[in-house]
Amino acid sequence: MASAIVKRIDPQTLNLKEQVVSINRVTKVVKGGKNLSFSALVVVGDANAKVVGFGVGKAKEVPSAIRKGIEAAKKNLRKIYLLPTTIPHQVLGRYGSGMVLLKPAAEGTGVIAGGPVRAVVQAAGIPNVLTKSIGTHNPHNVVKATINALEQLRDKNLVAEMRGLTLDKM
């Protein structure tokens, strides 16, 4: 499935909240020994504007890696379609061997999600949703699968227009 062209969203106009999903210590073996560095996976989002993005940063120190991850995430923002209290329909996002199932939930249910999925869903501003992470537990793949699932959410009017039908015919 080809990815749609995403219109660039200006992060300056948004009230973004950052959340670090994972920090990984990585080493590169060289002739003189081991070079130690850190990799940070960060999710940013604006709950009011229904915008979410993720980024990865690498540096010799943890704060620098997190700062780079935030900058990368701000360049990777996506607008998602939501109902006022939940998502419009059930959706399955995939990335690599990771799959994330998102299901609409009734008012008052809250966010039923774990780890990386919870970070993305809360950053996007979804108050009630049921989720299930299937396959890999790799945080990078789970975050990307969750973003993929959120991008698949569509409005009834938009789907009817794409199919060339009226709402009562669907």
N, C-alpha and C. Protein backbone atom coordinates (compact mmCIF):
# COMPACT_ATOMS: atom_id res chain seq x y z
N MET A 1 0.84 -1.17 0.00
CA MET A 1 0.00 0.00 0.00
C MET A 1 0.89 1.24 0.00
N ALA A 2 0.73 2.09 -0.97
CA ALA A 2 1.55 3.29 -1.09
C ALA A 2 1.11 4.33 -0.07
N SER A 3 2.07 5.01 0.50
CA SER A 3 1.79 6.05 1.48
C SER A 3 1.33 7.31 0.76
N ALA A 4 0.31 7.95 1.31
CA ALA A 4 -0.19 9.19 0.71
C ALA A 4 0.81 10.32 0.98
N ILE A 5 0.79 11.30 0.13
CA ILE A 5 1.67 12.45 0.31
C ILE A 5 1.14 13.25 1.50
N VAL A 6 2.00 13.45 2.49
CA VAL A 6 1.60 14.12 3.72
C VAL A 6 1.98 15.60 3.62
N LYS A 7 0.98 16.47 3.88
CA LYS A 7 1.23 17.90 3.87
C LYS A 7 2.00 18.27 5.13
N ARG A 8 3.02 19.09 4.98
CA ARG A 8 3.89 19.49 6.09
C ARG A 8 3.11 20.35 7.08
N ILE A 9 3.20 20.01 8.37
CA ILE A 9 2.50 20.75 9.43
C ILE A 9 3.54 21.58 10.17
N ASP A 10 3.23 22.86 10.40
CA ASP A 10 4.16 23.76 11.07
C ASP A 10 4.10 23.53 12.58
N PRO A 11 5.22 23.06 13.20
CA PRO A 11 5.19 22.80 14.64
C PRO A 11 5.16 24.06 15.51
N GLN A 12 5.48 25.22 14.93
CA GLN A 12 5.50 26.46 15.70
C GLN A 12 4.11 26.86 16.17
N THR A 13 3.08 26.51 15.39
CA THR A 13 1.71 26.92 15.70
C THR A 13 1.04 25.98 16.70
N LEU A 14 1.68 24.88 17.06
CA LEU A 14 1.07 23.86 17.90
C LEU A 14 1.63 23.88 19.32
N ASN A 15 0.85 23.34 20.24
CA ASN A 15 1.28 23.18 21.64
C ASN A 15 1.69 21.71 21.80
N LEU A 16 2.92 21.38 21.40
CA LEU A 16 3.36 19.98 21.36
C LEU A 16 3.84 19.49 22.73
N LYS A 17 3.46 18.26 23.04
CA LYS A 17 3.94 17.57 24.24
C LYS A 17 4.84 16.44 23.78
N GLU A 18 6.02 16.32 24.41
CA GLU A 18 6.97 15.27 24.03
C GLU A 18 6.92 14.14 25.05
N GLN A 19 7.13 12.93 24.57
CA GLN A 19 7.25 11.77 25.45
C GLN A 19 8.31 10.83 24.90
N VAL A 20 9.26 10.47 25.76
CA VAL A 20 10.32 9.55 25.36
C VAL A 20 9.77 8.14 25.50
N VAL A 21 9.81 7.37 24.41
CA VAL A 21 9.29 6.00 24.42
C VAL A 21 10.38 5.03 24.84
N SER A 22 11.57 5.17 24.25
CA SER A 22 12.66 4.27 24.64
C SER A 22 14.01 4.93 24.42
N ILE A 23 14.94 4.56 25.27
CA ILE A 23 16.33 4.99 25.12
C ILE A 23 17.17 3.73 25.07
N ASN A 24 18.01 3.63 24.06
CA ASN A 24 18.80 2.43 23.84
C ASN A 24 20.28 2.80 23.81
N ARG A 25 21.08 2.07 24.58
CA ARG A 25 22.53 2.27 24.55
C ARG A 25 23.10 1.39 23.44
N VAL A 26 23.77 2.02 22.50
CA VAL A 26 24.32 1.27 21.36
C VAL A 26 25.84 1.44 21.33
N THR A 27 26.52 0.40 20.89
CA THR A 27 27.97 0.46 20.80
C THR A 27 28.41 0.08 19.40
N LYS A 28 29.46 0.72 18.96
CA LYS A 28 30.06 0.42 17.67
C LYS A 28 31.49 -0.04 17.96
N VAL A 29 31.81 -1.24 17.52
CA VAL A 29 33.14 -1.78 17.77
C VAL A 29 34.08 -1.30 16.67
N VAL A 30 35.16 -0.62 17.09
CA VAL A 30 36.16 -0.11 16.17
C VAL A 30 37.52 -0.65 16.58
N LYS A 31 38.54 -0.33 15.81
CA LYS A 31 39.88 -0.86 16.06
C LYS A 31 40.38 -0.50 17.47
N GLY A 32 40.07 0.69 17.94
CA GLY A 32 40.56 1.14 19.24
C GLY A 32 39.70 0.71 20.41
N GLY A 33 38.61 0.00 20.18
CA GLY A 33 37.73 -0.43 21.26
C GLY A 33 36.28 -0.26 20.86
N LYS A 34 35.46 0.21 21.82
CA LYS A 34 34.02 0.38 21.58
C LYS A 34 33.64 1.85 21.69
N ASN A 35 32.87 2.33 20.73
CA ASN A 35 32.31 3.68 20.79
C ASN A 35 30.89 3.58 21.33
N LEU A 36 30.61 4.21 22.44
CA LEU A 36 29.31 4.16 23.09
C LEU A 36 28.48 5.37 22.68
N SER A 37 27.21 5.15 22.34
CA SER A 37 26.29 6.25 22.07
C SER A 37 24.89 5.83 22.47
N PHE A 38 23.94 6.77 22.39
CA PHE A 38 22.57 6.53 22.80
C PHE A 38 21.61 6.85 21.67
N SER A 39 20.55 6.05 21.58
CA SER A 39 19.50 6.24 20.60
C SER A 39 18.19 6.46 21.36
N ALA A 40 17.45 7.49 21.00
CA ALA A 40 16.19 7.81 21.69
C ALA A 40 15.03 7.84 20.70
N LEU A 41 13.94 7.16 21.05
CA LEU A 41 12.71 7.19 20.27
C LEU A 41 11.72 8.09 21.00
N VAL A 42 11.26 9.15 20.32
CA VAL A 42 10.43 10.18 20.95
C VAL A 42 9.14 10.34 20.16
N VAL A 43 8.03 10.50 20.89
CA VAL A 43 6.73 10.78 20.27
C VAL A 43 6.30 12.18 20.71
N VAL A 44 5.85 13.00 19.76
CA VAL A 44 5.31 14.33 20.07
C VAL A 44 3.91 14.43 19.50
N GLY A 45 3.08 15.24 20.15
CA GLY A 45 1.72 15.41 19.66
C GLY A 45 1.02 16.57 20.32
N ASP A 46 -0.02 17.03 19.65
CA ASP A 46 -0.90 18.06 20.17
C ASP A 46 -2.31 17.47 20.22
N ALA A 47 -2.80 17.24 21.45
CA ALA A 47 -4.10 16.60 21.62
C ALA A 47 -5.24 17.45 21.07
N ASN A 48 -5.13 18.77 21.16
CA ASN A 48 -6.21 19.65 20.69
C ASN A 48 -6.27 19.70 19.16
N ALA A 49 -5.11 19.68 18.51
CA ALA A 49 -5.07 19.75 17.05
C ALA A 49 -5.13 18.38 16.38
N LYS A 50 -5.12 17.30 17.19
CA LYS A 50 -5.15 15.92 16.67
C LYS A 50 -3.97 15.68 15.71
N VAL A 51 -2.78 16.03 16.19
CA VAL A 51 -1.55 15.89 15.41
C VAL A 51 -0.58 15.03 16.21
N VAL A 52 0.13 14.12 15.52
CA VAL A 52 1.08 13.25 16.19
C VAL A 52 2.25 12.96 15.26
N GLY A 53 3.43 12.72 15.85
CA GLY A 53 4.62 12.38 15.07
C GLY A 53 5.63 11.68 15.95
N PHE A 54 6.60 11.02 15.32
CA PHE A 54 7.65 10.34 16.06
C PHE A 54 8.99 10.64 15.42
N GLY A 55 10.06 10.48 16.21
CA GLY A 55 11.39 10.73 15.69
C GLY A 55 12.43 9.94 16.47
N VAL A 56 13.58 9.72 15.84
CA VAL A 56 14.69 9.01 16.45
C VAL A 56 15.90 9.93 16.44
N GLY A 57 16.58 9.98 17.57
CA GLY A 57 17.80 10.78 17.68
C GLY A 57 18.93 9.95 18.24
N LYS A 58 20.14 10.17 17.74
CA LYS A 58 21.32 9.46 18.24
C LYS A 58 22.38 10.48 18.62
N ALA A 59 23.04 10.24 19.77
CA ALA A 59 24.10 11.13 20.21
C ALA A 59 24.93 10.43 21.27
N LYS A 60 26.04 11.07 21.65
CA LYS A 60 26.93 10.52 22.67
C LYS A 60 26.32 10.60 24.06
N GLU A 61 25.43 11.58 24.32
CA GLU A 61 24.77 11.72 25.61
C GLU A 61 23.26 11.61 25.43
N VAL A 62 22.58 11.18 26.50
CA VAL A 62 21.13 10.97 26.44
C VAL A 62 20.36 12.26 26.15
N PRO A 63 20.62 13.38 26.85
CA PRO A 63 19.83 14.60 26.56
C PRO A 63 19.96 15.07 25.11
N SER A 64 21.14 14.94 24.55
CA SER A 64 21.33 15.32 23.14
C SER A 64 20.54 14.41 22.22
N ALA A 65 20.51 13.12 22.52
CA ALA A 65 19.74 12.17 21.70
C ALA A 65 18.26 12.48 21.77
N ILE A 66 17.77 12.81 22.97
CA ILE A 66 16.35 13.15 23.12
C ILE A 66 16.02 14.43 22.35
N ARG A 67 16.89 15.44 22.45
CA ARG A 67 16.67 16.70 21.74
C ARG A 67 16.62 16.46 20.22
N LYS A 68 17.54 15.63 19.70
CA LYS A 68 17.54 15.32 18.27
C LYS A 68 16.28 14.55 17.87
N GLY A 69 15.82 13.66 18.75
CA GLY A 69 14.59 12.91 18.48
C GLY A 69 13.38 13.82 18.41
N ILE A 70 13.33 14.81 19.29
CA ILE A 70 12.21 15.76 19.29
C ILE A 70 12.22 16.57 18.00
N GLU A 71 13.39 17.02 17.57
CA GLU A 71 13.49 17.78 16.32
C GLU A 71 13.05 16.93 15.12
N ALA A 72 13.46 15.66 15.11
CA ALA A 72 13.05 14.76 14.02
C ALA A 72 11.54 14.53 14.04
N ALA A 73 10.97 14.40 15.24
CA ALA A 73 9.53 14.18 15.36
C ALA A 73 8.73 15.38 14.89
N LYS A 74 9.23 16.59 15.14
CA LYS A 74 8.53 17.80 14.70
C LYS A 74 8.49 17.90 13.18
N LYS A 75 9.44 17.28 12.50
CA LYS A 75 9.46 17.27 11.03
C LYS A 75 8.57 16.17 10.47
N ASN A 76 8.05 15.30 11.35
CA ASN A 76 7.33 14.11 10.94
C ASN A 76 5.90 14.11 11.49
N LEU A 77 5.27 15.28 11.59
CA LEU A 77 3.93 15.39 12.16
C LEU A 77 2.86 15.00 11.15
N ARG A 78 1.81 14.33 11.65
CA ARG A 78 0.68 13.94 10.80
C ARG A 78 -0.62 14.30 11.48
N LYS A 79 -1.59 14.75 10.69
CA LYS A 79 -2.94 15.06 11.18
C LYS A 79 -3.76 13.79 11.07
N ILE A 80 -4.53 13.49 12.12
CA ILE A 80 -5.36 12.28 12.09
C ILE A 80 -6.82 12.66 12.30
N TYR A 81 -7.71 11.82 11.77
CA TYR A 81 -9.15 12.06 11.90
C TYR A 81 -9.67 11.29 13.10
N LEU A 82 -10.35 11.99 14.01
CA LEU A 82 -10.93 11.37 15.21
C LEU A 82 -12.34 11.88 15.43
N LEU A 83 -13.11 11.09 16.17
CA LEU A 83 -14.38 11.56 16.69
C LEU A 83 -14.09 12.30 17.99
N PRO A 84 -15.08 13.00 18.57
CA PRO A 84 -14.79 13.75 19.80
C PRO A 84 -14.27 12.89 20.96
N THR A 85 -14.76 11.65 21.10
CA THR A 85 -14.35 10.85 22.26
C THR A 85 -13.56 9.59 21.92
N THR A 86 -13.54 9.17 20.66
CA THR A 86 -12.85 7.93 20.31
C THR A 86 -12.50 7.95 18.83
N ILE A 87 -12.09 6.78 18.30
CA ILE A 87 -11.79 6.68 16.87
C ILE A 87 -13.05 6.24 16.12
N PRO A 88 -13.17 6.56 14.83
CA PRO A 88 -14.41 6.27 14.12
C PRO A 88 -14.67 4.79 13.83
N HIS A 89 -13.61 4.00 13.66
CA HIS A 89 -13.80 2.59 13.33
C HIS A 89 -12.57 1.78 13.73
N GLN A 90 -12.73 0.47 13.74
CA GLN A 90 -11.62 -0.43 14.06
C GLN A 90 -10.60 -0.42 12.93
N VAL A 91 -9.31 -0.50 13.28
CA VAL A 91 -8.27 -0.42 12.27
C VAL A 91 -7.06 -1.24 12.73
N LEU A 92 -6.35 -1.81 11.75
CA LEU A 92 -5.16 -2.61 12.03
C LEU A 92 -3.97 -1.98 11.31
N GLY A 93 -3.00 -1.51 12.08
CA GLY A 93 -1.79 -0.92 11.51
C GLY A 93 -0.66 -1.92 11.50
N ARG A 94 0.15 -1.90 10.45
CA ARG A 94 1.26 -2.84 10.33
C ARG A 94 2.54 -2.10 9.99
N TYR A 95 3.63 -2.59 10.57
CA TYR A 95 4.96 -2.14 10.20
C TYR A 95 5.90 -3.26 10.56
N GLY A 96 6.64 -3.77 9.59
CA GLY A 96 7.53 -4.91 9.83
C GLY A 96 6.70 -6.07 10.34
N SER A 97 7.13 -6.71 11.42
CA SER A 97 6.36 -7.81 11.99
C SER A 97 5.48 -7.33 13.14
N GLY A 98 5.39 -6.01 13.31
CA GLY A 98 4.54 -5.46 14.36
C GLY A 98 3.18 -5.09 13.81
N MET A 99 2.13 -5.44 14.57
CA MET A 99 0.77 -5.07 14.21
C MET A 99 0.11 -4.47 15.44
N VAL A 100 -0.70 -3.44 15.22
CA VAL A 100 -1.42 -2.80 16.31
C VAL A 100 -2.89 -2.69 15.90
N LEU A 101 -3.76 -3.24 16.73
CA LEU A 101 -5.20 -3.17 16.52
C LEU A 101 -5.77 -2.08 17.40
N LEU A 102 -6.51 -1.14 16.79
CA LEU A 102 -7.17 -0.07 17.53
C LEU A 102 -8.67 -0.23 17.37
N LYS A 103 -9.40 -0.21 18.49
CA LYS A 103 -10.85 -0.37 18.46
C LYS A 103 -11.51 0.80 19.18
N PRO A 104 -12.64 1.28 18.67
CA PRO A 104 -13.37 2.35 19.36
C PRO A 104 -13.84 1.86 20.73
N ALA A 105 -13.91 2.78 21.68
CA ALA A 105 -14.36 2.43 23.03
C ALA A 105 -15.42 3.43 23.49
N ALA A 106 -16.27 2.97 24.42
CA ALA A 106 -17.33 3.81 24.95
C ALA A 106 -16.76 4.91 25.83
N GLU A 107 -17.56 5.95 26.03
CA GLU A 107 -17.15 7.07 26.89
C GLU A 107 -16.84 6.56 28.30
N GLY A 108 -15.72 7.01 28.84
CA GLY A 108 -15.33 6.62 30.19
C GLY A 108 -14.41 5.41 30.26
N THR A 109 -14.14 4.78 29.13
CA THR A 109 -13.27 3.60 29.11
C THR A 109 -11.82 3.98 29.37
N GLY A 110 -11.38 5.08 28.78
CA GLY A 110 -9.99 5.50 28.90
C GLY A 110 -9.12 4.85 27.85
N VAL A 111 -7.82 5.01 27.99
CA VAL A 111 -6.87 4.44 27.03
C VAL A 111 -6.41 3.09 27.57
N ILE A 112 -6.83 2.02 26.92
CA ILE A 112 -6.40 0.67 27.27
C ILE A 112 -5.30 0.32 26.29
N ALA A 113 -4.06 0.59 26.69
CA ALA A 113 -2.91 0.37 25.81
C ALA A 113 -1.66 0.23 26.66
N GLY A 114 -0.65 -0.36 26.09
CA GLY A 114 0.60 -0.53 26.82
C GLY A 114 1.75 0.14 26.11
N GLY A 115 2.70 0.62 26.90
CA GLY A 115 3.98 1.12 26.42
C GLY A 115 3.94 2.06 25.24
N PRO A 116 4.57 1.66 24.12
CA PRO A 116 4.68 2.55 22.95
C PRO A 116 3.34 2.95 22.36
N VAL A 117 2.35 2.05 22.37
CA VAL A 117 1.04 2.37 21.81
C VAL A 117 0.38 3.46 22.65
N ARG A 118 0.49 3.36 23.96
CA ARG A 118 -0.09 4.35 24.87
C ARG A 118 0.52 5.73 24.61
N ALA A 119 1.83 5.79 24.42
CA ALA A 119 2.49 7.06 24.17
C ALA A 119 1.93 7.75 22.93
N VAL A 120 1.76 6.99 21.85
CA VAL A 120 1.26 7.56 20.59
C VAL A 120 -0.20 7.98 20.73
N VAL A 121 -1.03 7.12 21.35
CA VAL A 121 -2.45 7.40 21.48
C VAL A 121 -2.69 8.63 22.37
N GLN A 122 -1.94 8.75 23.47
CA GLN A 122 -2.10 9.91 24.34
C GLN A 122 -1.60 11.18 23.67
N ALA A 123 -0.51 11.08 22.91
CA ALA A 123 0.00 12.25 22.20
C ALA A 123 -0.99 12.73 21.14
N ALA A 124 -1.72 11.78 20.53
CA ALA A 124 -2.71 12.13 19.51
C ALA A 124 -3.97 12.72 20.12
N GLY A 125 -4.20 12.49 21.42
CA GLY A 125 -5.37 13.06 22.08
C GLY A 125 -6.61 12.22 21.95
N ILE A 126 -6.47 10.89 21.95
CA ILE A 126 -7.62 9.99 21.89
C ILE A 126 -7.99 9.62 23.33
N PRO A 127 -9.17 10.05 23.82
CA PRO A 127 -9.49 9.79 25.23
C PRO A 127 -9.95 8.37 25.53
N ASN A 128 -10.62 7.70 24.59
CA ASN A 128 -11.16 6.36 24.82
C ASN A 128 -10.83 5.46 23.64
N VAL A 129 -10.03 4.41 23.88
CA VAL A 129 -9.67 3.49 22.81
C VAL A 129 -9.19 2.18 23.42
N LEU A 130 -9.47 1.08 22.74
CA LEU A 130 -8.96 -0.23 23.11
C LEU A 130 -7.89 -0.61 22.10
N THR A 131 -6.77 -1.17 22.57
CA THR A 131 -5.69 -1.52 21.65
C THR A 131 -5.16 -2.90 21.96
N LYS A 132 -4.54 -3.50 20.95
CA LYS A 132 -3.85 -4.77 21.12
C LYS A 132 -2.63 -4.74 20.24
N SER A 133 -1.47 -4.96 20.85
CA SER A 133 -0.22 -5.03 20.10
C SER A 133 0.06 -6.49 19.78
N ILE A 134 0.24 -6.80 18.50
CA ILE A 134 0.40 -8.18 18.05
C ILE A 134 1.75 -8.30 17.34
N GLY A 135 2.44 -9.39 17.58
CA GLY A 135 3.72 -9.60 16.90
C GLY A 135 4.86 -9.08 17.74
N THR A 136 5.74 -8.32 17.12
CA THR A 136 6.95 -7.87 17.78
C THR A 136 6.67 -6.89 18.92
N HIS A 137 7.59 -6.84 19.88
CA HIS A 137 7.50 -5.88 20.97
C HIS A 137 8.54 -4.78 20.81
N ASN A 138 9.20 -4.74 19.65
CA ASN A 138 10.20 -3.71 19.35
C ASN A 138 9.50 -2.34 19.34
N PRO A 139 9.91 -1.42 20.23
CA PRO A 139 9.20 -0.14 20.32
C PRO A 139 9.16 0.65 19.01
N HIS A 140 10.22 0.59 18.21
CA HIS A 140 10.25 1.33 16.94
C HIS A 140 9.15 0.81 16.01
N ASN A 141 9.05 -0.50 15.86
CA ASN A 141 8.04 -1.07 14.96
C ASN A 141 6.63 -0.87 15.51
N VAL A 142 6.45 -0.93 16.83
CA VAL A 142 5.13 -0.75 17.42
C VAL A 142 4.66 0.70 17.24
N VAL A 143 5.54 1.66 17.44
CA VAL A 143 5.18 3.08 17.23
C VAL A 143 4.81 3.32 15.77
N LYS A 144 5.61 2.79 14.85
CA LYS A 144 5.33 2.99 13.42
C LYS A 144 4.03 2.31 13.01
N ALA A 145 3.73 1.13 13.57
CA ALA A 145 2.47 0.44 13.28
C ALA A 145 1.28 1.23 13.82
N THR A 146 1.43 1.83 14.99
CA THR A 146 0.36 2.64 15.57
C THR A 146 0.09 3.88 14.72
N ILE A 147 1.14 4.55 14.29
CA ILE A 147 0.99 5.71 13.41
C ILE A 147 0.31 5.29 12.10
N ASN A 148 0.72 4.14 11.56
CA ASN A 148 0.12 3.61 10.33
C ASN A 148 -1.38 3.38 10.53
N ALA A 149 -1.76 2.83 11.69
CA ALA A 149 -3.18 2.59 11.98
C ALA A 149 -3.94 3.92 12.06
N LEU A 150 -3.37 4.90 12.73
CA LEU A 150 -4.04 6.20 12.88
C LEU A 150 -4.21 6.89 11.53
N GLU A 151 -3.25 6.69 10.62
CA GLU A 151 -3.35 7.30 9.29
C GLU A 151 -4.47 6.67 8.45
N GLN A 152 -4.88 5.46 8.78
CA GLN A 152 -5.93 4.77 8.03
C GLN A 152 -7.34 5.21 8.41
N LEU A 153 -7.48 5.97 9.50
CA LEU A 153 -8.80 6.42 9.95
C LEU A 153 -9.39 7.40 8.93
N ARG A 154 -10.66 7.17 8.57
CA ARG A 154 -11.32 7.99 7.56
C ARG A 154 -12.69 8.45 8.04
N ASP A 155 -13.13 9.56 7.50
CA ASP A 155 -14.45 10.12 7.75
C ASP A 155 -15.45 9.45 6.79
N LYS A 156 -16.69 9.24 7.25
CA LYS A 156 -17.72 8.63 6.40
C LYS A 156 -17.95 9.45 5.13
N ASN A 157 -18.01 10.77 5.28
CA ASN A 157 -18.26 11.65 4.12
C ASN A 157 -17.14 11.53 3.10
N LEU A 158 -15.89 11.45 3.56
CA LEU A 158 -14.74 11.33 2.66
C LEU A 158 -14.78 10.01 1.90
N VAL A 159 -15.11 8.91 2.59
CA VAL A 159 -15.18 7.60 1.95
C VAL A 159 -16.30 7.58 0.91
N ALA A 160 -17.46 8.15 1.25
CA ALA A 160 -18.59 8.22 0.32
C ALA A 160 -18.20 9.02 -0.92
N GLU A 161 -17.50 10.12 -0.73
CA GLU A 161 -17.06 10.96 -1.84
C GLU A 161 -16.06 10.21 -2.73
N MET A 162 -15.12 9.48 -2.10
CA MET A 162 -14.14 8.72 -2.88
C MET A 162 -14.80 7.62 -3.71
N ARG A 163 -15.85 7.02 -3.18
CA ARG A 163 -16.56 5.95 -3.88
C ARG A 163 -17.61 6.48 -4.86
N GLY A 164 -17.88 7.77 -4.81
CA GLY A 164 -18.86 8.37 -5.70
C GLY A 164 -20.29 8.05 -5.28
N LEU A 165 -20.52 7.83 -3.99
CA LEU A 165 -21.85 7.51 -3.49
C LEU A 165 -22.32 8.58 -2.51
N THR A 166 -23.62 8.52 -2.20
CA THR A 166 -24.14 9.38 -1.14
C THR A 166 -24.09 8.59 0.16
N LEU A 167 -24.24 9.28 1.29
CA LEU A 167 -24.16 8.61 2.59
C LEU A 167 -25.24 7.56 2.78
N ASP A 168 -26.46 7.81 2.27
CA ASP A 168 -27.54 6.84 2.45
C ASP A 168 -27.35 5.59 1.59
N LYS A 169 -26.53 5.64 0.54
CA LYS A 169 -26.26 4.47 -0.32
C LYS A 169 -25.19 3.55 0.29
N MET A 170 -24.38 4.08 1.22
CA MET A 170 -23.30 3.28 1.79
C MET A 170 -23.78 2.30 2.81
